[in-house]
Amino acid sequence: MTENKPLILIVDDNSINIDLLLNILKGEYRFGIAKNGAKALAYLDKNKPDLVLLDVMMPEIDGFEVCSKIKADPLLKDVEVIFITALSDAKYIAKGFEIGAVDYITKPFKSAEVKARVQTHMSLKKMKQVLNDQNLLLEDQVQSKTTELQEMFNATVGGMALMAESRDPYTAGHQHRVAQYASDIARNMKLPDDQVEAIRISGLLHDIGKIRTPVSLLNRPGKLFKAEWELIKTHPVVGYKILKQIPFPWPIAEIVYQHHERIDGTGYPRGLKGDEILVEARILAVADVIEAISSHRPYRPALSIQSALDEVKSQKGKLFDEMVVDSFLSASGRITPKMPEDTEPVRIEPAEETEMSPAEHSIRRIHASN
């Protein structure tokens, strides 16, 4: 029975930290221990753990180098890495994400946080494997694809969406409502059924990258500092990295990657503009904003669907694709908005004073919540 438990490799040059982590996680996992980078790499030559808890600051071979070597190895690249570090500087956190880490845990350890983050990524890893297996089955049985397999696929995608939303009580149902709006827009644009399905799946998963965003930021009703805002803005990149490993029959990862891009190039993370943005992502952008405006917020009740229509209409051809906005406007009478019972946190411009263009100010004001 023990052999069926997930294997975690703990890498830290401090024995006290190792003992703390073992005590927090004991009973649910198997463990490997390495007290420096070289020993960690030696362990990985003979073993493939499900997850690595990796200290950043170690002598000789630091955590960044160990993580880079893991991600460069074809046999280990799918091993999840969570950095454990006392470093709070955003540039170190960003560097860890850039080389392939999925999360970070800061010292001193909080038992509940360690358990939650490890369990979240273990669950996500299992779900990704289930999706991979199901997609392989679908490819092998294209002609005989059954309703049961499709339901399993939908249930797994729904589970991934629910897992992302469950970390933040204010986002419950957000991704499902965005998927509904986006699908309605796509159907009104007479897009093929297969493309509509791609948009629906993308809508269900578009915010999965927030799984890495600290809950304290997601739940905060007040202003965010610029560094905190920049951290939240990494969620499309994180979502892309999670989803690109799954062989969907559609470009789901790229659609999610682009859902905060804007027609005039003022979006993020890549500043794409116009036709550089996939039409699926352009549709998702409008649906996301419509849902955000028409949902309850801590500082105000849900605004009317007419307020949402007026807002996107005012930005037609600037932030949003004209054809997509026109499609939603023409279909708005047939789309019944579902006012959520739960809320999402306020996302407003940084508290630090910065020079912003009118377009940048507008995009931050309109999209503060989504």
Protein backbone atom coordinates (compact mmCIF):
# COMPACT_ATOMS: atom_id res chain seq x y z
CA MET A 1 0.00 0.00 0.00
CA THR A 2 2.87 2.37 0.81
CA GLU A 3 4.28 1.98 -2.71
CA ASN A 4 1.08 3.49 -4.13
CA LYS A 5 1.61 6.74 -2.26
CA PRO A 6 3.06 9.66 -4.26
CA LEU A 7 6.83 10.11 -3.92
CA ILE A 8 8.17 13.51 -2.83
CA LEU A 9 11.84 14.44 -2.96
CA ILE A 10 12.78 17.04 -0.33
CA VAL A 11 15.97 18.95 -1.10
CA ASP A 12 17.31 21.28 1.59
CA ASP A 13 20.70 21.77 3.23
CA ASN A 14 19.02 22.46 6.57
CA SER A 15 18.05 19.33 8.51
CA ILE A 16 15.54 21.26 10.61
CA ASN A 17 13.62 22.30 7.50
CA ILE A 18 13.61 18.72 6.25
CA ASP A 19 12.26 17.46 9.58
CA LEU A 20 9.55 20.11 9.58
CA LEU A 21 8.37 19.17 6.11
CA LEU A 22 8.42 15.45 6.92
CA ASN A 23 6.35 16.09 10.02
CA ILE A 24 3.82 18.22 8.12
CA LEU A 25 3.39 15.77 5.24
CA LYS A 26 3.86 12.44 6.98
CA GLY A 27 1.32 9.69 6.42
CA GLU A 28 0.20 10.75 2.94
CA TYR A 29 3.39 10.44 0.90
CA ARG A 30 6.66 8.56 0.45
CA PHE A 31 9.83 10.61 0.74
CA GLY A 32 13.30 10.92 -0.68
CA ILE A 33 15.83 13.19 1.03
CA ALA A 34 18.77 15.12 -0.41
CA LYS A 35 20.81 17.69 1.53
CA ASN A 36 22.36 19.45 -1.44
CA GLY A 37 21.98 19.88 -5.18
CA ALA A 38 24.49 17.21 -6.17
CA LYS A 39 22.78 14.57 -4.01
CA ALA A 40 19.43 15.59 -5.43
CA LEU A 41 20.63 15.04 -8.99
CA ALA A 42 22.17 11.69 -7.99
CA TYR A 43 18.84 10.65 -6.48
CA LEU A 44 16.99 11.69 -9.63
CA ASP A 45 19.30 9.53 -11.77
CA LYS A 46 17.77 6.47 -10.10
CA ASN A 47 14.30 7.65 -9.02
CA LYS A 48 11.47 9.65 -10.53
CA PRO A 49 9.44 11.43 -7.82
CA ASP A 50 6.01 12.92 -8.37
CA LEU A 51 7.05 16.20 -6.79
CA VAL A 52 10.24 17.95 -5.69
CA LEU A 53 10.28 20.40 -2.77
CA LEU A 54 13.45 22.29 -3.62
CA ASP A 55 15.37 24.81 -1.52
CA VAL A 56 16.67 27.76 -3.54
CA MET A 57 19.76 28.82 -1.62
CA MET A 58 22.18 25.90 -1.35
CA PRO A 59 25.98 25.77 -1.68
CA GLU A 60 27.65 24.75 -4.96
CA ILE A 61 24.53 23.77 -6.92
CA ASP A 62 21.58 25.99 -6.03
CA GLY A 63 17.91 25.21 -6.50
CA PHE A 64 17.63 27.13 -9.76
CA GLU A 65 20.33 24.98 -11.38
CA VAL A 66 18.77 21.76 -10.07
CA CYS A 67 15.37 22.79 -11.42
CA SER A 68 16.89 23.67 -14.82
CA LYS A 69 18.52 20.25 -15.06
CA ILE A 70 15.25 18.52 -14.13
CA LYS A 71 13.34 20.38 -16.83
CA ALA A 72 16.06 19.71 -19.41
CA ASP A 73 15.87 15.94 -18.84
CA PRO A 74 13.24 14.29 -21.12
CA LEU A 75 12.60 11.65 -18.45
CA LEU A 76 12.09 14.16 -15.64
CA LYS A 77 10.64 17.26 -17.30
CA ASP A 78 7.10 16.40 -16.17
CA VAL A 79 8.16 16.22 -12.50
CA GLU A 80 6.57 19.11 -10.62
CA VAL A 81 8.94 21.42 -8.71
CA ILE A 82 7.90 23.65 -5.81
CA PHE A 83 10.57 25.99 -4.47
CA ILE A 84 10.93 26.36 -0.70
CA THR A 85 12.65 29.59 0.15
CA ALA A 86 12.95 32.47 2.55
CA LEU A 87 13.37 34.80 -0.41
CA SER A 88 10.44 37.14 -0.90
CA ASP A 89 11.89 39.28 -3.67
CA ALA A 90 9.61 39.08 -6.72
CA LYS A 91 12.55 38.66 -9.13
CA TYR A 92 13.58 35.39 -7.48
CA ILE A 93 10.00 34.12 -7.60
CA ALA A 94 9.74 35.10 -11.27
CA LYS A 95 13.03 33.38 -12.07
CA GLY A 96 11.76 30.16 -10.50
CA PHE A 97 8.62 30.26 -12.64
CA GLU A 98 10.64 30.98 -15.77
CA ILE A 99 12.78 27.85 -15.38
CA GLY A 100 9.81 25.58 -14.79
CA ALA A 101 8.76 25.60 -11.12
CA VAL A 102 5.01 25.32 -10.56
CA ASP A 103 4.82 27.05 -7.20
CA TYR A 104 6.77 28.32 -4.18
CA ILE A 105 6.44 28.00 -0.41
CA THR A 106 8.07 30.59 1.83
CA LYS A 107 9.82 29.99 5.13
CA PRO A 108 8.94 29.85 7.96
CA PHE A 109 6.55 27.06 6.96
CA LYS A 110 2.85 27.21 7.73
CA SER A 111 1.52 23.68 8.03
CA ALA A 112 -1.83 24.36 6.37
CA GLU A 113 -0.22 26.18 3.44
CA VAL A 114 2.36 23.45 2.83
CA LYS A 115 -0.31 20.74 2.86
CA ALA A 116 -2.67 22.72 0.63
CA ARG A 117 -0.08 23.60 -1.99
CA VAL A 118 1.35 20.09 -2.18
CA GLN A 119 -2.10 18.53 -2.35
CA THR A 120 -3.24 21.00 -5.01
CA HIS A 121 -0.35 20.17 -7.32
CA MET A 122 -0.65 16.45 -6.69
CA SER A 123 -4.33 16.65 -7.64
CA LEU A 124 -3.53 18.73 -10.71
CA LYS A 125 -0.84 16.25 -11.79
CA LYS A 126 -3.31 13.38 -11.44
CA MET A 127 -5.97 15.23 -13.42
CA LYS A 128 -3.49 16.06 -16.20
CA GLN A 129 -2.59 12.38 -16.41
CA VAL A 130 -6.26 11.43 -16.60
CA LEU A 131 -6.76 13.95 -19.41
CA ASN A 132 -3.70 12.65 -21.24
CA ASP A 133 -4.97 9.08 -20.97
CA GLN A 134 -8.44 10.07 -22.11
CA ASN A 135 -7.11 12.00 -25.10
CA LEU A 136 -5.03 8.99 -26.15
CA LEU A 137 -8.17 6.88 -25.94
CA LEU A 138 -10.08 9.42 -27.98
CA GLU A 139 -7.38 9.46 -30.66
CA ASP A 140 -7.37 5.64 -30.87
CA GLN A 141 -11.16 5.48 -30.99
CA VAL A 142 -12.12 8.54 -33.03
CA GLN A 143 -14.73 6.60 -35.02
CA SER A 144 -16.20 4.91 -31.96
CA LYS A 145 -15.98 7.74 -29.46
CA THR A 146 -18.62 7.07 -26.84
CA THR A 147 -20.80 9.35 -24.77
CA GLU A 148 -19.19 7.90 -21.66
CA LEU A 149 -15.70 8.97 -22.74
CA GLN A 150 -16.95 12.46 -23.56
CA GLU A 151 -18.62 12.72 -20.18
CA MET A 152 -15.41 11.61 -18.49
CA PHE A 153 -13.48 14.25 -20.43
CA ASN A 154 -15.99 16.97 -19.52
CA ALA A 155 -16.02 15.87 -15.88
CA THR A 156 -12.23 16.07 -15.69
CA VAL A 157 -12.11 19.51 -17.32
CA GLY A 158 -14.86 20.64 -14.95
CA GLY A 159 -12.89 19.25 -12.04
CA MET A 160 -9.80 21.22 -13.06
CA ALA A 161 -11.89 24.39 -13.32
CA LEU A 162 -13.48 23.75 -9.93
CA MET A 163 -10.09 23.13 -8.35
CA ALA A 164 -8.83 26.51 -9.53
CA GLU A 165 -11.98 28.28 -8.30
CA SER A 166 -12.08 26.50 -4.96
CA ARG A 167 -9.00 28.38 -3.73
CA ASP A 168 -10.95 31.63 -3.92
CA PRO A 169 -14.56 31.77 -2.68
CA TYR A 170 -15.17 34.90 -4.76
CA THR A 171 -14.63 33.13 -8.10
CA ALA A 172 -17.09 30.27 -7.70
CA GLY A 173 -18.81 29.70 -11.04
CA HIS A 174 -16.92 32.45 -12.85
CA GLN A 175 -15.23 30.17 -15.38
CA HIS A 176 -18.46 28.28 -16.13
CA ARG A 177 -20.35 31.51 -16.78
CA VAL A 178 -17.56 32.83 -19.00
CA ALA A 179 -17.68 29.54 -20.94
CA GLN A 180 -21.44 29.98 -21.39
CA TYR A 181 -21.14 33.56 -22.64
CA ALA A 182 -18.24 32.73 -24.95
CA SER A 183 -20.05 29.72 -26.45
CA ASP A 184 -23.17 31.81 -27.07
CA ILE A 185 -21.11 34.48 -28.83
CA ALA A 186 -19.32 31.87 -30.95
CA ARG A 187 -22.60 30.22 -31.99
CA ASN A 188 -24.07 33.61 -32.88
CA MET A 189 -21.00 34.21 -35.09
CA LYS A 190 -21.87 30.93 -36.90
CA LEU A 191 -18.54 29.35 -36.00
CA PRO A 192 -18.23 25.56 -36.54
CA ASP A 193 -19.35 23.33 -33.67
CA ASP A 194 -15.80 22.09 -33.16
CA GLN A 195 -14.54 25.65 -32.71
CA VAL A 196 -17.40 26.45 -30.32
CA GLU A 197 -16.37 23.44 -28.21
CA ALA A 198 -12.77 24.69 -28.15
CA ILE A 199 -14.03 28.06 -26.88
CA ARG A 200 -16.20 26.37 -24.24
CA ILE A 201 -13.29 24.31 -22.90
CA SER A 202 -11.02 27.37 -22.93
CA GLY A 203 -13.64 29.33 -20.98
CA LEU A 204 -13.83 26.63 -18.34
CA LEU A 205 -10.05 26.69 -17.89
CA HIS A 206 -9.09 30.29 -18.67
CA ASP A 207 -8.22 31.22 -15.06
CA ILE A 208 -6.56 27.95 -14.05
CA GLY A 209 -3.27 29.87 -13.86
CA LYS A 210 -4.58 31.59 -10.71
CA ILE A 211 -3.87 28.34 -8.90
CA ARG A 212 -0.39 29.78 -8.37
CA THR A 213 -1.58 33.21 -7.21
CA PRO A 214 -1.42 33.63 -3.41
CA VAL A 215 -4.90 33.38 -1.90
CA SER A 216 -4.18 36.51 0.14
CA LEU A 217 -4.10 38.52 -3.11
CA LEU A 218 -7.14 36.85 -4.65
CA ASN A 219 -9.26 37.58 -1.59
CA ARG A 220 -8.13 41.12 -0.91
CA PRO A 221 -10.91 43.68 -1.41
CA GLY A 222 -8.61 46.71 -1.37
CA LYS A 223 -5.97 48.14 -3.65
CA LEU A 224 -3.04 46.11 -4.89
CA PHE A 225 0.53 47.39 -5.12
CA LYS A 226 2.20 47.34 -8.49
CA ALA A 227 4.33 44.26 -7.70
CA GLU A 228 1.22 42.38 -6.53
CA TRP A 229 -0.65 43.40 -9.67
CA GLU A 230 2.23 42.14 -11.82
CA LEU A 231 2.15 38.81 -9.97
CA ILE A 232 -1.57 38.39 -10.66
CA LYS A 233 -0.95 39.23 -14.31
CA THR A 234 1.21 36.10 -14.63
CA HIS A 235 -1.85 33.83 -14.52
CA PRO A 236 -2.26 33.54 -18.34
CA VAL A 237 1.39 32.40 -18.58
CA VAL A 238 0.92 29.92 -15.75
CA GLY A 239 -2.27 28.61 -17.34
CA TYR A 240 -0.45 28.16 -20.65
CA LYS A 241 2.34 26.18 -19.02
CA ILE A 242 -0.15 23.90 -17.28
CA LEU A 243 -2.35 23.29 -20.32
CA LYS A 244 0.30 22.99 -23.05
CA GLN A 245 1.26 19.59 -21.62
CA ILE A 246 -2.23 18.22 -22.37
CA PRO A 247 -2.80 17.04 -25.98
CA PHE A 248 -6.15 18.73 -26.56
CA PRO A 249 -7.49 18.53 -30.13
CA TRP A 250 -7.68 22.34 -30.05
CA PRO A 251 -5.15 25.09 -29.14
CA ILE A 252 -6.58 25.46 -25.63
CA ALA A 253 -3.28 26.48 -24.04
CA GLU A 254 -2.70 29.26 -26.58
CA ILE A 255 -6.27 30.55 -26.25
CA VAL A 256 -5.89 30.75 -22.47
CA TYR A 257 -2.47 32.40 -22.95
CA GLN A 258 -4.09 35.17 -25.02
CA HIS A 259 -7.34 35.85 -23.15
CA HIS A 260 -6.06 39.13 -21.64
CA GLU A 261 -4.60 40.44 -24.92
CA ARG A 262 -6.41 43.43 -26.41
CA ILE A 263 -6.99 44.62 -30.00
CA ASP A 264 -4.94 47.81 -29.59
CA GLY A 265 -1.96 45.96 -28.09
CA THR A 266 -2.44 47.22 -24.51
CA GLY A 267 -3.20 43.76 -23.11
CA TYR A 268 -0.90 41.21 -21.51
CA PRO A 269 1.28 39.19 -21.27
CA ARG A 270 2.69 39.64 -24.80
CA GLY A 271 1.04 42.82 -26.02
CA LEU A 272 -0.45 41.15 -29.10
CA LYS A 273 -2.76 43.21 -31.26
CA GLY A 274 -5.41 42.76 -33.94
CA ASP A 275 -5.22 39.54 -35.94
CA GLU A 276 -2.22 38.39 -33.92
CA ILE A 277 -4.81 37.34 -31.35
CA LEU A 278 -6.75 34.13 -32.02
CA VAL A 279 -10.45 34.71 -32.66
CA GLU A 280 -11.21 32.27 -29.84
CA ALA A 281 -9.21 34.44 -27.43
CA ARG A 282 -10.93 37.60 -28.70
CA ILE A 283 -14.30 36.00 -27.93
CA LEU A 284 -13.10 34.85 -24.50
CA ALA A 285 -11.90 38.38 -23.70
CA VAL A 286 -15.36 39.88 -24.24
CA ALA A 287 -17.12 37.07 -22.35
CA ASP A 288 -14.69 37.42 -19.43
CA VAL A 289 -15.32 41.16 -19.10
CA ILE A 290 -19.09 40.81 -19.48
CA GLU A 291 -19.16 38.25 -16.66
CA ALA A 292 -16.91 40.37 -14.44
CA ILE A 293 -19.00 43.51 -14.81
CA SER A 294 -22.30 41.70 -14.22
CA SER A 295 -21.04 39.89 -11.12
CA HIS A 296 -21.20 41.06 -7.52
CA ARG A 297 -18.12 42.74 -6.08
CA PRO A 298 -17.25 43.57 -2.46
CA TYR A 299 -17.44 47.30 -3.14
CA ARG A 300 -20.69 47.21 -5.18
CA PRO A 301 -23.61 44.97 -6.09
CA ALA A 302 -23.67 43.27 -9.48
CA LEU A 303 -24.11 45.80 -12.27
CA SER A 304 -26.82 45.27 -14.87
CA ILE A 305 -26.20 43.43 -18.10
CA GLN A 306 -26.91 46.77 -19.82
CA SER A 307 -23.95 48.31 -17.96
CA ALA A 308 -21.77 45.48 -19.25
CA LEU A 309 -23.07 45.99 -22.79
CA ASP A 310 -22.42 49.73 -22.62
CA GLU A 311 -18.88 49.17 -21.35
CA VAL A 312 -17.78 46.73 -24.06
CA LYS A 313 -19.57 48.80 -26.70
CA SER A 314 -17.58 51.87 -25.67
CA GLN A 315 -14.35 49.90 -26.17
CA LYS A 316 -15.34 48.23 -29.47
CA GLY A 317 -12.45 48.38 -31.91
CA LYS A 318 -10.08 49.61 -29.18
CA LEU A 319 -9.80 46.85 -26.61
CA PHE A 320 -12.29 44.39 -28.09
CA ASP A 321 -12.86 42.92 -31.54
CA GLU A 322 -15.69 44.75 -33.33
CA MET A 323 -17.24 41.60 -34.81
CA VAL A 324 -17.21 39.84 -31.44
CA VAL A 325 -18.80 42.80 -29.64
CA ASP A 326 -21.46 43.17 -32.37
CA SER A 327 -22.21 39.47 -32.10
CA PHE A 328 -22.73 39.71 -28.35
CA LEU A 329 -24.85 42.86 -28.68
CA SER A 330 -27.10 41.22 -31.25
CA ALA A 331 -27.46 38.08 -29.11
CA SER A 332 -27.77 39.81 -25.73
CA GLY A 333 -31.53 39.49 -25.71
CA ARG A 334 -31.23 35.71 -26.00
CA ILE A 335 -28.46 35.36 -23.40
CA THR A 336 -29.79 35.29 -19.87
CA PRO A 337 -27.16 36.59 -17.46
CA LYS A 338 -26.71 34.48 -14.35
CA MET A 339 -25.97 36.72 -11.42
CA PRO A 340 -23.51 34.82 -9.21
CA GLU A 341 -24.18 34.32 -5.54
CA ASP A 342 -20.49 34.39 -4.75
CA THR A 343 -18.00 37.11 -5.52
CA GLU A 344 -14.61 37.68 -6.98
CA PRO A 345 -12.02 40.00 -5.42
CA VAL A 346 -11.58 43.54 -6.68
CA ARG A 347 -8.70 43.94 -9.09
CA ILE A 348 -7.86 47.59 -9.51
CA GLU A 349 -4.91 49.62 -10.61
CA PRO A 350 -1.76 49.51 -8.47
CA ALA A 351 -1.58 51.65 -5.34
CA GLU A 352 1.86 52.87 -6.42
CA GLU A 353 1.60 55.95 -8.59
CA THR A 354 2.75 55.25 -12.13
CA GLU A 355 2.48 57.03 -15.45
CA MET A 356 -0.31 55.33 -17.43
CA SER A 357 -1.61 56.00 -20.89
CA PRO A 358 -5.41 56.50 -21.23
CA ALA A 359 -5.65 53.07 -22.81
CA GLU A 360 -3.73 51.43 -19.98
CA HIS A 361 -5.85 53.21 -17.36
CA SER A 362 -8.99 52.09 -19.16
CA ILE A 363 -7.91 48.47 -19.44
CA ARG A 364 -7.02 48.34 -15.72
CA ARG A 365 -10.31 49.95 -14.73
CA ILE A 366 -12.49 47.73 -16.89
CA HIS A 367 -10.67 44.48 -16.27
CA ALA A 368 -9.87 45.02 -12.60
CA SER A 369 -11.99 42.07 -11.55
CA ASN A 370 -11.55 39.36 -14.17
